[in-house]
Protein backbone atom coordinates (compact mmCIF):
# COMPACT_ATOMS: atom_id res chain seq x y z
CA UNK A 1 159.15 105.09 54.24
CA UNK A 2 157.24 108.30 53.67
CA UNK A 3 157.31 111.67 51.99
CA UNK A 4 159.68 113.39 54.39
CA UNK A 5 161.54 111.02 56.71
CA UNK A 6 165.27 111.61 57.21
CA UNK A 7 167.96 109.52 58.85
CA UNK A 8 169.50 110.27 62.24
CA UNK A 9 171.19 108.75 65.27
CA UNK A 10 169.97 106.61 68.16
CA UNK A 11 169.65 107.43 71.85
CA UNK A 12 171.72 106.36 74.85
CA UNK A 13 170.54 105.11 78.26
CA UNK A 14 169.84 107.03 81.45
CA UNK A 15 166.78 107.52 83.66
CA UNK A 16 163.77 105.76 82.20
CA UNK A 17 160.07 106.34 81.84
CA UNK A 18 158.17 103.08 81.56
CA UNK A 19 154.67 101.63 81.58
CA UNK A 20 153.84 99.18 84.35
CA UNK A 21 150.45 98.10 82.98
CA UNK A 22 150.38 95.07 80.74
CA UNK A 23 149.50 95.59 77.09
CA UNK A 24 145.98 94.85 75.88
CA UNK A 25 145.26 92.30 73.20
CA UNK A 26 144.40 93.50 69.71
CA UNK A 27 141.22 92.34 68.06
CA UNK A 28 143.02 92.08 64.74
CA UNK A 29 146.43 90.83 63.68
CA UNK A 30 149.43 93.13 64.04
CA UNK A 31 151.56 92.32 61.03
CA UNK A 32 152.99 95.25 59.09
CA UNK A 33 153.40 94.72 55.36
CA UNK A 34 156.80 95.55 53.92
CA UNK A 35 155.61 98.94 52.72
CA UNK A 36 154.31 99.87 56.17
CA UNK A 37 157.25 98.81 58.32
CA UNK A 38 158.44 101.64 60.58
CA UNK A 39 162.10 102.56 60.09
CA UNK A 40 163.41 103.34 63.56
CA UNK A 41 166.53 105.02 62.14
CA UNK A 42 164.73 107.47 59.83
CA UNK A 43 164.61 110.47 62.12
CA UNK A 44 166.11 113.88 62.73
CA UNK A 45 167.32 114.66 66.24
CA UNK A 46 165.98 118.02 67.38
CA UNK A 47 166.32 120.10 70.52
CA UNK A 48 163.73 122.65 71.58
CA UNK A 49 162.50 124.51 74.63
CA UNK A 50 158.98 123.64 75.73
CA UNK A 51 156.99 125.43 78.40
CA UNK A 52 155.02 122.96 80.48
CA UNK A 53 151.49 123.46 81.80
CA UNK A 54 152.87 124.98 85.01
CA UNK A 55 154.74 127.64 83.04
CA UNK A 56 158.22 126.17 83.50
CA UNK A 57 160.63 125.89 80.57
CA UNK A 58 162.42 122.64 79.75
CA UNK A 59 165.01 121.71 77.17
CA UNK A 60 163.76 118.68 75.25
CA UNK A 61 165.83 116.58 72.89
CA UNK A 62 163.73 114.31 70.72
CA UNK A 63 163.70 112.18 67.60
CA UNK A 64 161.42 113.54 64.92
CA UNK A 65 160.05 111.17 62.28
CA UNK A 66 158.56 113.31 59.54
CA UNK A 67 155.69 112.68 57.13
CA UNK A 68 155.43 108.90 57.22
CA UNK A 69 152.76 107.72 54.79
CA UNK A 70 150.59 105.37 56.83
CA UNK A 71 148.78 103.52 54.01
CA UNK A 72 150.00 101.68 50.90
CA UNK A 73 147.45 103.18 48.50
CA UNK A 74 147.12 106.82 49.56
CA UNK A 75 144.62 109.08 47.86
CA UNK A 76 146.72 112.09 48.87
CA UNK A 77 150.01 111.60 50.75
CA UNK A 78 150.01 115.22 51.88
CA UNK A 79 147.18 114.36 54.25
CA UNK A 80 147.61 110.61 54.73
CA UNK A 81 150.89 110.90 56.60
CA UNK A 82 151.88 111.29 60.22
CA UNK A 83 154.72 112.66 62.32
CA UNK A 84 156.17 110.92 65.37
CA UNK A 85 158.13 112.67 68.14
CA UNK A 86 160.00 110.58 70.71
CA UNK A 87 161.65 112.22 73.74
CA UNK A 88 165.24 111.15 74.37
CA UNK A 89 166.34 113.73 76.95
CA UNK A 90 164.55 116.29 79.12
CA UNK A 91 166.70 118.91 80.86
CA UNK A 92 169.76 116.78 80.19
CA UNK A 93 168.34 113.58 81.68
CA UNK A 94 167.99 110.71 79.22
CA UNK A 95 164.49 109.36 78.63
CA UNK A 96 163.64 105.82 77.60
CA UNK A 97 160.23 106.12 75.95
CA UNK A 98 159.99 102.44 75.02
CA UNK A 99 156.92 101.84 77.19
CA UNK A 100 155.53 105.39 77.25
CA UNK A 101 151.88 106.11 76.36
CA UNK A 102 151.31 107.44 72.85
CA UNK A 103 149.30 110.62 72.41
CA UNK A 104 147.57 110.61 69.01
CA UNK A 105 146.90 114.34 68.61
CA UNK A 106 144.79 115.15 65.58
CA UNK A 107 144.60 118.75 64.38
CA UNK A 108 141.29 118.53 62.51
CA UNK A 109 138.98 121.53 62.79
CA UNK A 110 135.64 122.00 61.07
CA UNK A 111 136.03 118.58 59.37
CA UNK A 112 138.63 120.33 57.21
CA UNK A 113 141.74 118.61 55.82
CA UNK A 114 144.74 118.47 58.13
CA UNK A 115 148.33 117.97 57.02
CA UNK A 116 151.55 117.51 58.98
CA UNK A 117 153.76 117.24 55.88
CA UNK A 118 155.23 120.74 56.26
CA UNK A 119 155.73 120.62 60.03
CA UNK A 120 159.32 121.12 61.15
CA UNK A 121 158.91 119.69 64.65
CA UNK A 122 156.50 118.54 67.32
CA UNK A 123 153.23 120.47 67.51
CA UNK A 124 153.65 121.73 63.97
CA UNK A 125 150.27 120.65 62.63
CA UNK A 126 148.13 123.66 61.79
CA UNK A 127 145.94 124.77 64.69
CA UNK A 128 142.97 126.14 62.78
CA UNK A 129 140.41 128.62 63.99
CA UNK A 130 142.64 130.50 66.44
CA UNK A 131 141.74 134.14 67.19
CA UNK A 132 142.82 136.24 64.27
CA UNK A 133 142.96 133.32 61.83
CA UNK A 134 141.62 133.69 58.33
CA UNK A 135 138.09 132.60 57.55
CA UNK A 136 136.65 130.70 54.61
CA UNK A 137 137.17 127.23 53.16
CA UNK A 138 140.52 125.82 52.13
CA UNK A 139 140.77 125.21 48.44
CA UNK A 140 141.79 122.06 46.63
CA UNK A 141 144.98 120.63 48.04
CA UNK A 142 145.18 123.26 50.77
CA UNK A 143 145.74 122.46 54.42
CA UNK A 144 143.07 123.27 56.97
CA UNK A 145 143.65 126.84 58.00
CA UNK A 146 140.22 128.37 58.22
CA UNK A 147 136.86 128.25 59.90
CA UNK A 148 134.30 126.08 58.15
CA UNK A 149 131.28 128.17 57.32
CA UNK A 150 130.05 131.56 56.33
CA UNK A 151 128.34 131.88 59.69
CA UNK A 152 131.53 131.26 61.66
CA UNK A 153 132.62 134.06 63.95
CA UNK A 154 135.07 134.77 66.73
CA UNK A 155 133.74 133.90 70.15
CA UNK A 156 132.69 136.76 72.37
CA UNK A 157 133.51 134.57 75.35
CA UNK A 158 137.17 134.15 74.54
CA UNK A 159 136.89 130.99 72.46
CA UNK A 160 138.42 130.16 69.13
CA UNK A 161 136.60 130.65 65.85
CA UNK A 162 133.57 128.53 65.15
CA UNK A 163 134.71 125.16 63.92
CA UNK A 164 138.34 125.76 64.82
CA UNK A 165 140.56 123.19 66.52
CA UNK A 166 142.90 125.54 68.37
CA UNK A 167 142.94 125.33 72.17
CA UNK A 168 143.04 128.22 74.63
CA UNK A 169 143.79 128.05 78.34
CA UNK A 170 142.17 130.13 81.05
CA UNK A 171 144.48 133.06 80.25
CA UNK A 172 143.59 133.01 76.57
CA UNK A 173 146.96 131.54 75.58
CA UNK A 174 147.44 128.70 73.10
CA UNK A 175 147.63 125.12 74.37
CA UNK A 176 149.57 122.57 72.33
CA UNK A 177 148.93 119.08 73.66
CA UNK A 178 151.63 117.56 71.46
CA UNK A 179 154.33 119.68 73.03
CA UNK A 180 152.96 119.17 76.54
CA UNK A 181 152.90 115.41 76.05
CA UNK A 182 156.47 115.38 74.75
CA UNK A 183 157.81 117.37 77.71
CA UNK A 184 155.92 114.98 80.00
CA UNK A 185 157.86 112.09 78.46
CA UNK A 186 155.17 110.63 76.20
CA UNK A 187 155.51 109.65 72.55
CA UNK A 188 153.56 112.02 70.32
CA UNK A 189 151.96 111.03 67.03
CA UNK A 190 150.37 113.75 64.90
CA UNK A 191 148.32 112.32 62.03
CA UNK A 192 147.11 114.15 58.99
CA UNK A 193 143.71 113.35 57.51
CA UNK A 194 141.67 114.19 54.46
CA UNK A 195 138.89 116.71 54.91
CA UNK A 196 135.70 117.88 53.31
CA UNK A 197 137.06 120.71 51.11
CA UNK A 198 139.57 118.67 49.09
CA UNK A 199 138.76 118.66 45.37
CA UNK A 200 140.66 117.01 42.52
CA UNK A 201 141.14 118.34 38.99
CA UNK A 202 137.85 116.79 37.83
CA UNK A 203 135.90 118.61 40.54
CA UNK A 204 135.41 115.52 42.69
CA UNK A 205 135.42 115.97 46.46
CA UNK A 206 137.68 113.29 47.90
CA UNK A 207 137.73 114.18 51.59
CA UNK A 208 134.06 114.04 52.48
CA UNK A 209 132.58 111.56 54.97
CA UNK A 210 133.86 109.16 56.08
CA UNK A 211 137.39 110.00 54.84
CA UNK A 212 138.65 111.73 57.99
CA UNK A 213 137.79 108.94 60.41
CA UNK A 214 139.00 106.30 57.95
CA UNK A 215 142.36 108.06 57.76
CA UNK A 216 142.69 108.37 61.54
CA UNK A 217 141.87 104.69 61.92
CA UNK A 218 144.50 103.88 59.30
CA UNK A 219 147.03 105.91 61.29
CA UNK A 220 146.20 103.90 64.42
CA UNK A 221 146.53 100.66 62.45
CA UNK A 222 149.96 101.73 61.23
CA UNK A 223 151.10 102.29 64.82
CA UNK A 224 149.68 99.02 66.10
CA UNK A 225 151.04 97.02 63.16
CA UNK A 226 154.49 98.30 64.14
CA UNK A 227 154.30 97.23 67.77
CA UNK A 228 157.83 96.73 69.06
CA UNK A 229 159.29 98.91 66.30
CA UNK A 230 157.73 102.26 67.11
CA UNK A 231 158.88 103.64 70.47
CA UNK A 232 156.03 103.81 72.95
CA UNK A 233 153.29 101.43 74.03
CA UNK A 234 151.04 100.86 71.04
CA UNK A 235 148.50 99.21 73.37
CA UNK A 236 148.22 102.52 75.24
CA UNK A 237 147.23 104.98 72.52
CA UNK A 238 145.31 108.02 73.79
CA UNK A 239 143.65 110.25 71.21
CA UNK A 240 142.94 113.96 71.50
CA UNK A 241 141.08 116.49 69.39
CA UNK A 242 139.06 119.70 69.49
CA UNK A 243 135.75 120.66 67.85
CA UNK A 244 135.32 118.38 64.81
CA UNK A 245 138.64 116.89 65.88
CA UNK A 246 137.06 116.23 69.27
CA UNK A 247 134.19 114.43 67.59
CA UNK A 248 136.67 112.35 65.58
CA UNK A 249 138.63 111.55 68.75
CA UNK A 250 135.40 110.39 70.38
CA UNK A 251 134.56 108.39 67.25
CA UNK A 252 137.96 106.70 67.35
CA UNK A 253 137.27 105.79 70.95
CA UNK A 254 133.74 104.55 70.30
CA UNK A 255 134.25 102.51 67.12
CA UNK A 256 137.48 100.55 67.61
CA UNK A 257 137.78 97.59 65.22
CA UNK A 258 134.28 98.02 63.81
CA UNK A 259 134.01 96.02 60.57
CA UNK A 260 131.83 98.78 59.10
CA UNK A 261 135.00 100.64 58.07
CA UNK A 262 136.85 97.66 56.62
CA UNK A 263 136.01 98.30 52.96
CA UNK A 264 137.18 101.91 53.19
CA UNK A 265 140.36 100.92 55.01
CA UNK A 266 141.15 98.22 52.47
CA UNK A 267 140.71 100.70 49.61
CA UNK A 268 143.53 102.89 50.91
CA UNK A 269 145.80 100.03 51.92
CA UNK A 270 145.61 100.35 55.68
CA UNK A 271 147.66 97.92 57.77
CA UNK A 272 146.05 94.66 58.88
CA UNK A 273 145.98 95.56 62.57
CA UNK A 274 143.66 96.81 65.29
CA UNK A 275 142.40 100.40 65.14
CA UNK A 276 141.13 100.38 68.73
CA UNK A 277 142.58 103.00 71.06
CA UNK A 278 142.98 102.82 74.82
CA UNK A 279 141.56 106.21 75.85
CA UNK A 280 139.89 109.21 74.25
CA UNK A 281 140.31 112.92 75.02
CA UNK A 282 137.53 115.03 73.50
CA UNK A 283 137.20 118.82 73.70
CA UNK A 284 133.94 120.48 72.60
CA UNK A 285 133.12 117.63 70.19
CA UNK A 286 130.91 118.59 67.25
CA UNK A 287 129.25 115.19 67.27
CA UNK A 288 125.89 113.44 66.77
CA UNK A 289 125.31 115.51 63.66
CA UNK A 290 122.02 113.89 62.68
CA UNK A 291 120.46 115.20 65.93
CA UNK A 292 122.64 118.29 66.36
CA UNK A 293 120.07 120.76 64.98
CA UNK A 294 117.43 119.50 67.40
CA UNK A 295 119.82 119.62 70.35
CA UNK A 296 121.02 123.09 69.44
CA UNK A 297 117.51 124.55 69.44
CA UNK A 298 116.62 122.77 72.68
CA UNK A 299 119.64 124.45 74.26
CA UNK A 300 119.94 127.84 72.58
CA UNK A 301 116.56 128.34 70.87
CA UNK A 302 115.54 131.29 73.09
CA UNK A 303 118.88 133.07 72.77
CA UNK A 304 119.28 135.88 70.28
CA UNK A 305 121.91 136.02 67.58
CA UNK A 306 124.75 138.51 67.97
CA UNK A 307 122.70 140.86 65.78
CA UNK A 308 120.07 140.98 68.52
CA UNK A 309 117.45 139.15 66.48
CA UNK A 310 115.88 135.76 67.14
CA UNK A 311 116.15 132.91 64.67
CA UNK A 312 112.99 131.68 62.93
CA UNK A 313 110.97 130.60 65.97
CA UNK A 314 108.78 128.21 64.01
CA UNK A 315 111.86 126.30 62.87
CA UNK A 316 113.38 126.44 66.34
CA UNK A 317 110.23 125.09 68.01
CA UNK A 318 109.81 122.27 65.48
CA UNK A 319 113.38 121.15 66.07
CA UNK A 320 113.04 121.48 69.83
CA UNK A 321 109.92 119.30 69.75
CA UNK A 322 111.74 116.67 67.69
CA UNK A 323 114.58 116.67 70.23
CA UNK A 324 112.24 115.38 72.94
CA UNK A 325 111.69 112.14 70.99
CA UNK A 326 115.41 111.76 70.38
CA UNK A 327 116.31 112.32 74.02
CA UNK A 328 113.72 109.78 75.13
CA UNK A 329 115.10 107.23 72.68
CA UNK A 330 118.50 107.32 74.40
CA UNK A 331 117.02 105.91 77.61
CA UNK A 332 119.78 107.42 79.72
CA UNK A 333 119.58 107.28 83.49
CA UNK A 334 121.30 109.42 86.11
CA UNK A 335 121.34 109.10 89.88
CA UNK A 336 118.83 111.46 91.43
CA UNK A 337 117.07 112.06 88.11
CA UNK A 338 115.91 108.67 86.88
CA UNK A 339 115.49 108.68 83.13
CA UNK A 340 116.96 111.86 81.65
CA UNK A 341 114.40 113.29 79.24
CA UNK A 342 113.97 116.65 77.54
CA UNK A 343 111.92 117.67 80.59
CA UNK A 344 114.69 117.24 83.17
CA UNK A 345 117.82 117.45 81.00
CA UNK A 346 118.22 121.13 81.86
CA UNK A 347 118.14 120.38 85.60
CA UNK A 348 120.56 117.50 85.07
CA UNK A 349 123.06 119.73 83.24
CA UNK A 350 122.74 122.49 85.85
CA UNK A 351 123.29 120.23 88.83
CA UNK A 352 125.85 117.88 87.29
CA UNK A 353 127.99 120.32 85.35
CA UNK A 354 127.07 123.99 85.45
CA UNK A 355 126.77 124.64 89.17
CA UNK A 356 129.92 122.61 90.00
CA UNK A 357 131.75 124.54 87.27
CA UNK A 358 130.66 127.91 88.63
CA UNK A 359 131.46 126.78 92.17
CA UNK A 360 135.00 125.76 91.21
CA UNK A 361 135.52 129.05 89.36
CA UNK A 362 134.24 131.21 92.21
CA UNK A 363 136.05 129.27 94.93
CA UNK A 364 139.36 129.91 93.18
CA UNK A 365 138.87 133.69 93.22
CA UNK A 366 140.02 135.99 95.97
CA UNK A 367 137.28 137.26 98.30
CA UNK A 368 137.37 140.64 96.58
CA UNK A 369 137.23 139.22 93.05
CA UNK A 370 134.46 136.80 94.01
CA UNK A 371 132.38 139.60 95.51
CA UNK A 372 132.83 141.66 92.36
CA UNK A 373 131.85 138.75 90.10
CA UNK A 374 128.73 137.98 92.14
CA UNK A 375 127.76 141.66 92.16
CA UNK A 376 127.94 141.65 88.37
CA UNK A 377 126.13 138.31 88.06
CA UNK A 378 123.26 138.47 90.52
CA UNK A 379 121.57 135.39 89.06
CA UNK A 380 124.04 133.27 91.05
CA UNK A 381 123.29 132.48 94.68
CA UNK A 382 126.52 131.86 96.62
CA UNK A 383 125.94 130.07 99.88
CA UNK A 384 128.05 127.67 101.89
CA UNK A 385 130.77 127.77 99.25
CA UNK A 386 128.39 126.61 96.51
CA UNK A 387 126.87 128.34 93.50
CA UNK A 388 123.25 127.75 92.51
CA UNK A 389 121.11 129.20 89.71
CA UNK A 390 118.40 128.28 87.21
CA UNK A 391 118.80 127.05 83.64
CA UNK A 392 116.86 130.04 82.33
CA UNK A 393 119.14 132.51 84.09
CA UNK A 394 122.18 130.62 82.86
CA UNK A 395 121.00 130.97 79.24
CA UNK A 396 120.52 134.69 79.73
CA UNK A 397 124.04 134.88 81.18
CA UNK A 398 125.55 133.18 78.12
CA UNK A 399 123.91 135.66 75.77
CA UNK A 400 124.17 135.45 71.99
CA UNK A 401 124.10 132.11 70.21
CA UNK A 402 126.64 131.58 67.44
CA UNK A 403 124.58 129.82 64.82
CA UNK A 404 121.36 130.34 62.91
CA UNK A 405 118.64 127.71 62.63
CA UNK A 406 119.18 125.02 61.58
CA UNK A 407 122.70 125.23 62.96
CA UNK A 408 124.26 122.31 61.08
CA UNK A 409 122.09 121.14 58.19
CA UNK A 410 121.55 124.63 56.82
CA UNK A 411 118.60 125.18 54.52
CA UNK A 412 120.87 126.88 51.97
CA UNK A 413 123.53 124.12 52.21
CA UNK A 414 126.09 126.64 53.48
CA UNK A 415 127.35 124.83 56.57
CA UNK A 416 130.56 122.88 56.82
CA UNK A 417 128.54 119.81 57.72
CA UNK A 418 126.58 120.06 54.46
CA UNK A 419 129.93 119.94 52.69
CA UNK A 420 131.04 117.02 54.92
CA UNK A 421 128.26 114.90 53.46
CA UNK A 422 128.85 115.98 49.87
CA UNK A 423 129.74 113.32 47.32
CA UNK A 424 131.38 113.15 43.92
CA UNK A 425 131.19 116.55 42.27
CA UNK A 426 128.32 117.57 44.58
CA UNK A 427 129.82 119.88 47.18
CA UNK A 428 127.05 119.80 49.77
CA UNK A 429 123.96 117.79 50.64
CA UNK A 430 121.25 117.77 53.26
CA UNK A 431 121.76 114.96 55.75
CA UNK A 432 118.63 115.30 57.92
CA UNK A 433 115.06 114.64 56.82
CA UNK A 434 113.94 117.93 58.41
CA UNK A 435 116.11 120.20 56.26
CA UNK A 436 115.69 118.07 53.17
CA UNK A 437 111.89 118.21 53.41
CA UNK A 438 111.91 121.89 54.24
CA UNK A 439 113.66 122.54 50.93
CA UNK A 440 111.75 119.93 48.93
CA UNK A 441 108.71 117.72 49.20
CA UNK A 442 107.36 116.38 52.48
CA UNK A 443 108.23 112.86 51.38
CA UNK A 444 111.84 113.56 50.45
CA UNK A 445 114.45 111.21 51.85
CA UNK A 446 118.24 111.52 52.12
CA UNK A 447 120.26 109.81 49.40
CA UNK A 448 120.72 106.06 49.83
CA UNK A 449 124.40 106.27 50.82
CA UNK A 450 123.84 108.82 53.59
CA UNK A 451 122.40 106.75 56.46
CA UNK A 452 125.46 104.51 56.59
CA UNK A 453 127.87 107.44 56.29
CA UNK A 454 126.07 109.32 59.05
CA UNK A 455 126.46 106.29 61.33
CA UNK A 456 130.15 106.06 60.47
CA UNK A 457 130.63 109.68 61.59
CA UNK A 458 128.71 109.43 64.88
CA UNK A 459 130.25 108.07 68.10
CA UNK A 460 126.77 107.85 69.64
CA UNK A 461 125.81 105.22 67.07
CA UNK A 462 128.52 102.86 68.32
CA UNK A 463 127.94 103.69 71.98
CA UNK A 464 124.25 102.98 71.51
CA UNK A 465 125.18 99.56 70.09
CA UNK A 466 127.38 98.88 73.18
CA UNK A 467 130.26 98.38 70.76
CA UNK A 468 132.75 96.04 72.47
CA UNK A 469 135.84 97.54 70.84
CA UNK A 470 135.35 100.99 72.32
CA UNK A 471 137.75 102.72 74.68
CA UNK A 472 136.89 102.39 78.34
CA UNK A 473 138.54 105.66 79.47
CA UNK A 474 137.21 109.10 78.49
CA UNK A 475 138.23 112.71 79.10
CA UNK A 476 135.49 115.10 77.92
CA UNK A 477 135.53 118.90 78.17
CA UNK A 478 133.55 121.91 76.92
CA UNK A 479 133.14 125.57 77.88
CA UNK A 480 129.84 126.68 79.40
CA UNK A 481 129.64 129.57 76.90
CA UNK A 482 130.39 127.37 73.90
CA UNK A 483 127.38 127.76 71.65
CA UNK A 484 129.05 126.11 68.68
CA UNK A 485 127.02 123.08 69.71
CA UNK A 486 124.54 122.11 72.39
CA UNK A 487 125.80 121.38 75.89
CA UNK A 488 123.46 118.41 75.79
CA UNK A 489 125.72 116.79 73.18
CA UNK A 490 128.55 116.66 75.70
CA UNK A 491 126.22 115.74 78.55
CA UNK A 492 124.65 112.86 76.62
CA UNK A 493 128.01 111.60 75.37
CA UNK A 494 129.37 111.42 78.91
CA UNK A 495 126.19 109.98 80.44
CA UNK A 496 125.82 107.30 77.77
CA UNK A 497 129.35 106.10 78.50
CA UNK A 498 128.78 106.23 82.25
CA UNK A 499 125.65 104.11 81.76
CA UNK A 500 127.86 101.50 80.08
CA UNK A 501 130.21 101.50 83.06
CA UNK A 502 133.11 103.28 81.37
CA UNK A 503 135.58 105.51 83.22
CA UNK A 504 134.48 109.06 82.36
CA UNK A 505 136.08 112.32 83.48
CA UNK A 506 133.79 115.06 82.16
CA UNK A 507 133.75 118.76 83.08
CA UNK A 508 132.56 122.11 81.75
CA UNK A 509 134.79 125.20 82.03
CA UNK A 510 132.89 128.13 83.50
CA UNK A 511 132.44 131.15 81.22
CA UNK A 512 134.74 129.57 78.63
CA UNK A 513 134.13 129.50 74.90
CA UNK A 514 134.81 127.13 72.03
CA UNK A 515 138.17 125.36 72.13
CA UNK A 516 138.88 125.99 75.79
CA UNK A 517 141.36 123.73 77.58
CA UNK A 518 141.89 125.02 81.08
CA UNK A 519 143.38 121.91 82.71
CA UNK A 520 145.98 120.44 80.31
CA UNK A 521 148.27 119.43 83.19
CA UNK A 522 145.43 117.38 84.63
CA UNK A 523 144.97 115.68 81.25
CA UNK A 524 148.64 114.71 81.18
CA UNK A 525 148.33 113.29 84.71
CA UNK A 526 145.12 111.48 83.71
CA UNK A 527 146.95 109.75 80.84
CA UNK A 528 149.51 108.40 83.30
CA UNK A 529 146.77 107.27 85.66
CA UNK A 530 144.58 105.39 83.19
CA UNK A 531 147.47 103.82 81.27
CA UNK A 532 149.24 102.64 84.43
CA UNK A 533 152.30 104.70 83.51
CA UNK A 534 155.00 105.21 86.13
CA UNK A 535 158.14 107.28 86.11
CA UNK A 536 161.51 105.67 86.81
CA UNK A 537 164.37 107.96 87.76
């Protein structure tokens, strides 16, 4: 059954929570092999108090299924296992979660390994990168508990550490989506996954790309193969993740049932079932890595580092120039802008995201607080209940950038992403022609296995192919002061999906840093809306 499942008792009837929407059809078969059949009786019944997004406490009784290994040929069960939490009573009222949506909440940060094996209840997966957390890479066999690179630092704008997957609300307090989903009445699945720092006794890295996304897909396949056995609606799986976990959540949403992963999934003994998910929730996704250095310099190239110095301007300008070609290749269109190019992308982001974000923030303040904020931030014009400003002034307002240039494919191979694309006993490799040629000859090319692996790690690759198995519902968020990546990454992700006709709810939190989640209650309500979930009392 797994490496930590225990037996328990079953639930009784009462008021019910049920899904009214009909289940979607899977692109693959849904037959669980004997080794991957979910044991509905292998749980511990737990009771805990959970504070909801409104600040109210609730007593929640739930069934906790611990450390279920979700593949038949695991490389490392510590990471290739998942926990399931099923609500059975909230504040004394019995819950029937048979048709409830399933929140698949990954806890990956910095593309590091994530394990749920030691969790003692819902929300127990390590939330890495929180303020005050340790820094440095996890060693062999260690769980993800640190920021990914030597350049990582705590956010001056209230965010979590660079590369972390912890979430902070508008008050700077931790947000745990697993707990919030459980108290809402949803089934919660928390999957572990291999990550880039895992090393075996021979010195071989066994969690580098594409291990993390392969494991998350295998977890989804396990759930869908056990349709009718696992409580909850396995046709209504909604993923969530932050930072690298946000990118993986987006990748899950973009690449459902792609045959490009089949060989990897077969190697670990994944279930023969669909790995498509219904909806994707993505916070500050560290995505589109092959173009991330270009996008970062286009966005933050003129901003100084926290030391007060500028990055190498020759490097920054070369990458910014290259970004223009990339942006043009996307052929994205937006109402009122036509084709969104590097020339009007700044205006698009200001009008579509930044000004509405500032407007919402200022409108929520008292008259006195608003006047004080505007007096301290004179670059904003407040007129008719609306904030306006220029892109240049916005960049000045944000201040220091977090990362050097290049931000992701570091010349000295020191970034977490360099490690992500390591292979065998080689810890880190260049994955962009620019950095590779900067360190070698002008004709140098990435290793032959890299192009395919880069595609497998990039949701934009599948979106660009109009992949038919993708999710059609998207929740995308980032803070306006999050310089862990370029704001254009989030803007392009959302716009590319909108251009395909998908349902996209995208927003940027004003003055918020990396890992911000200022509207978790709205996300819970959004899950109910898009899944067709209704409450029966």
